[in-house]
Amino acid sequence: MVKKYEVYFCDIRGQEKPCVVVSPDEMNCVLPYALVAPITKSQRNFPSRMGVKLKGEKAQIALDLMRTIAQEKMVRKAGSLPDNLKKEMQELLKEFLVK
């Protein structure tokens, strides 16, 4: 089972792309899919993006590009977000989805 805030390389259209799991664990343990947000090196000044480092380079978690993906397409785990980024992502999701 995948867990919220874990980072996976996901098979998206035949290419492995880094994504962070956004869906809650209660959903992840019963459904065969998960909600993920891609991590992109493209820098955009969007309020739905948050900055992170990916292999020492600037990157962004793109909440505006969230998608549902089958858990079987989540090829390999790359780690998980540190606590400070988890909190930042929670706040950004609230702002992005509730407003």
Protein backbone atom coordinates (compact mmCIF):
# COMPACT_ATOMS: atom_id res chain seq x y z
CA MET A 1 0.00 0.00 0.00
CA VAL A 2 1.21 3.48 -0.81
CA LYS A 3 1.03 6.20 1.84
CA LYS A 4 0.26 9.89 1.74
CA TYR A 5 3.35 12.08 1.19
CA GLU A 6 5.45 9.23 -0.22
CA VAL A 7 7.30 9.95 -3.46
CA TYR A 8 7.16 7.34 -6.23
CA PHE A 9 8.38 7.06 -9.76
CA CYS A 10 5.16 6.40 -11.68
CA ASP A 11 4.73 4.94 -15.16
CA ILE A 12 2.90 7.72 -16.98
CA ARG A 13 2.47 7.06 -20.69
CA GLY A 14 5.55 4.83 -20.76
CA GLN A 15 7.84 7.25 -18.90
CA GLU A 16 8.81 7.17 -15.24
CA LYS A 17 7.87 10.46 -13.60
CA PRO A 18 8.31 11.41 -9.94
CA CYS A 19 5.03 11.99 -8.08
CA VAL A 20 3.97 12.57 -4.49
CA VAL A 21 0.93 10.73 -3.09
CA VAL A 22 -1.82 13.17 -2.12
CA SER A 23 -4.71 10.80 -1.31
CA PRO A 24 -5.31 9.81 2.34
CA ASP A 25 -4.12 6.45 3.65
CA GLU A 26 -7.72 5.39 4.35
CA MET A 27 -8.37 5.58 0.62
CA ASN A 28 -5.00 4.15 -0.44
CA CYS A 29 -5.48 0.93 1.51
CA VAL A 30 -8.86 0.01 -0.05
CA LEU A 31 -8.70 1.35 -3.61
CA PRO A 32 -6.44 0.12 -6.43
CA TYR A 33 -5.54 3.69 -7.37
CA ALA A 34 -4.17 6.81 -5.66
CA LEU A 35 -4.27 10.54 -6.20
CA VAL A 36 -0.81 11.89 -7.01
CA ALA A 37 0.77 15.22 -7.89
CA PRO A 38 3.70 15.19 -10.31
CA ILE A 39 7.04 16.70 -9.40
CA THR A 40 8.30 18.80 -12.29
CA LYS A 41 11.49 20.69 -13.03
CA SER A 42 9.45 23.32 -14.89
CA GLN A 43 9.28 26.46 -12.80
CA ARG A 44 5.93 28.24 -12.88
CA ASN A 45 4.74 31.09 -10.73
CA PHE A 46 1.41 29.41 -9.93
CA PRO A 47 -0.17 29.52 -6.46
CA SER A 48 -0.84 25.78 -6.78
CA ARG A 49 2.89 24.91 -6.93
CA MET A 50 5.37 24.40 -4.13
CA GLY A 51 9.12 24.35 -4.43
CA VAL A 52 11.21 21.27 -3.58
CA LYS A 53 14.64 19.89 -4.40
CA LEU A 54 14.83 16.85 -6.66
CA LYS A 55 18.28 15.29 -6.83
CA GLY A 56 19.76 18.63 -5.75
CA GLU A 57 17.91 20.60 -8.44
CA LYS A 58 15.00 23.01 -8.13
CA ALA A 59 11.64 21.38 -8.79
CA GLN A 60 7.97 21.94 -7.97
CA ILE A 61 5.13 19.77 -6.78
CA ALA A 62 2.38 20.61 -9.27
CA LEU A 63 -0.91 20.38 -7.39
CA ASP A 64 -2.65 21.86 -10.44
CA LEU A 65 -1.70 18.67 -12.34
CA MET A 66 -3.01 16.12 -9.82
CA ARG A 67 -4.26 12.89 -11.33
CA THR A 68 -5.50 9.46 -10.32
CA ILE A 69 -3.14 6.60 -11.12
CA ALA A 70 -3.34 2.85 -10.59
CA GLN A 71 -1.11 1.81 -7.71
CA GLU A 72 0.38 -0.87 -9.96
CA LYS A 73 1.78 1.97 -12.12
CA MET A 74 3.74 3.27 -9.13
CA VAL A 75 6.99 1.61 -10.13
CA ARG A 76 9.35 2.32 -7.24
CA LYS A 77 9.40 4.33 -4.05
CA ALA A 78 11.88 7.20 -3.99
CA GLY A 79 11.28 8.40 -0.42
CA SER A 80 8.82 10.65 1.36
CA LEU A 81 8.42 14.34 2.04
CA PRO A 82 10.04 15.74 5.19
CA ASP A 83 7.68 16.97 7.91
CA ASN A 84 8.07 20.67 7.05
CA LEU A 85 7.04 20.01 3.42
CA LYS A 86 4.12 17.82 4.52
CA LYS A 87 2.76 20.74 6.52
CA GLU A 88 3.35 23.17 3.64
CA MET A 89 1.55 20.83 1.24
CA GLN A 90 -1.40 20.46 3.63
CA GLU A 91 -1.80 24.23 3.79
CA LEU A 92 -1.44 24.66 0.04
CA LEU A 93 -4.03 21.93 -0.62
CA LYS A 94 -6.47 23.64 1.73
CA GLU A 95 -5.91 26.95 -0.03
CA PHE A 96 -6.09 25.40 -3.49
CA LEU A 97 -9.13 23.16 -2.97
CA VAL A 98 -11.26 24.97 -0.41
CA LYS A 99 -11.20 28.58 -1.59
